[in-house]
Amino acid sequence: MKQVTIAIMAEHPDRDLLAPIIRRIEKLLTDKNLTAYQLSIRSGVDRAAISRILNGESGLTVSTLLKLIDGLDVSYDEFFKGISA
């Protein structure tokens, strides 16, 4: 199965597309008083991968994004309603 990747590489010209998603993840981590390590345990996504994603150093697949949203214990609707460009 081919994975779709959302461009977030720091040098990629479309990196701004992911900035609102990263901000939303960071806000939910703060609101829920969670660390990247705790999100890693809850989502099954490696802690180092989460750190690279949040720092814009790594790509983010849709599959990984969905795992992170599940780990944040919010609905997909709730997650994306909180995103502003």
Protein backbone atom coordinates (compact mmCIF):
# COMPACT_ATOMS: atom_id res chain seq x y z
CA MET A 1 0.00 0.00 0.00
CA LYS A 2 1.38 3.39 -1.00
CA GLN A 3 1.42 6.01 1.76
CA VAL A 4 0.49 9.61 1.16
CA THR A 5 2.92 12.06 2.71
CA ILE A 6 2.04 15.59 3.74
CA ALA A 7 4.98 17.83 2.90
CA ILE A 8 6.62 19.24 6.00
CA MET A 9 10.30 19.18 5.24
CA ALA A 10 11.86 22.41 6.39
CA GLU A 11 13.22 23.15 2.93
CA HIS A 12 10.07 22.14 1.05
CA PRO A 13 8.21 25.05 -0.59
CA ASP A 14 4.83 23.80 0.73
CA ARG A 15 5.97 23.44 4.35
CA ASP A 16 3.44 26.08 5.42
CA LEU A 17 0.62 23.64 4.62
CA LEU A 18 1.51 21.59 7.67
CA ALA A 19 2.23 24.44 10.09
CA PRO A 20 -1.41 24.67 11.28
CA ILE A 21 -1.48 20.89 11.90
CA ILE A 22 1.72 21.07 13.93
CA ARG A 23 0.36 24.02 15.93
CA ARG A 24 -2.85 22.06 16.61
CA ILE A 25 -0.92 19.02 17.85
CA GLU A 26 1.23 21.23 20.07
CA LYS A 27 -1.84 23.03 21.47
CA LEU A 28 -3.57 19.75 22.28
CA LEU A 29 -0.42 18.42 23.93
CA THR A 30 -0.36 21.54 26.12
CA ASP A 31 -4.09 21.51 26.82
CA LYS A 32 -4.00 17.86 27.80
CA ASN A 33 -0.72 18.24 29.71
CA LEU A 34 0.94 15.54 27.62
CA THR A 35 4.54 15.10 26.60
CA ALA A 36 5.77 13.74 23.27
CA TYR A 37 6.74 10.58 25.16
CA GLN A 38 3.21 10.14 26.52
CA LEU A 39 1.75 10.77 23.07
CA SER A 40 4.15 8.18 21.71
CA ILE A 41 2.84 5.56 24.13
CA ARG A 42 -0.79 6.47 23.46
CA SER A 43 -0.44 6.63 19.66
CA GLY A 44 2.15 3.96 18.91
CA VAL A 45 4.27 6.52 17.04
CA ASP A 46 7.95 6.62 18.00
CA ARG A 47 8.81 9.54 20.31
CA ALA A 48 11.76 10.58 18.16
CA ALA A 49 9.49 10.60 15.09
CA ILE A 50 7.02 12.84 16.92
CA SER A 51 9.82 15.20 17.83
CA ARG A 52 11.06 15.34 14.22
CA ILE A 53 7.52 15.99 12.98
CA LEU A 54 6.93 18.79 15.48
CA ASN A 55 10.28 20.34 14.56
CA GLY A 56 9.52 20.15 10.82
CA GLU A 57 12.42 17.79 10.23
CA SER A 58 10.45 14.79 8.98
CA GLY A 59 7.54 13.92 6.73
CA LEU A 60 4.14 13.09 8.15
CA THR A 61 1.97 10.42 6.58
CA VAL A 62 -1.80 10.52 6.83
CA SER A 63 -1.60 7.23 8.72
CA THR A 64 0.75 8.74 11.30
CA LEU A 65 -1.41 11.84 11.62
CA LEU A 66 -4.47 9.69 12.34
CA LYS A 67 -2.52 7.74 14.98
CA LEU A 68 -1.46 11.00 16.64
CA ILE A 69 -5.03 12.31 16.62
CA ASP A 70 -6.22 9.05 18.19
CA GLY A 71 -3.44 9.32 20.79
CA LEU A 72 -4.60 12.84 21.61
CA ASP A 73 -8.05 11.37 22.31
CA VAL A 74 -9.98 13.79 20.14
CA SER A 75 -12.29 13.12 17.22
CA TYR A 76 -11.05 13.88 13.73
CA ASP A 77 -13.75 16.57 13.46
CA GLU A 78 -12.62 18.17 16.70
CA PHE A 79 -8.97 18.07 15.63
CA PHE A 80 -9.55 19.70 12.25
CA LYS A 81 -12.09 22.26 13.53
CA GLY A 82 -9.31 23.69 15.66
CA ILE A 83 -7.05 24.33 12.70
CA SER A 84 -6.71 27.74 11.15
CA ALA A 85 -4.32 28.62 8.36
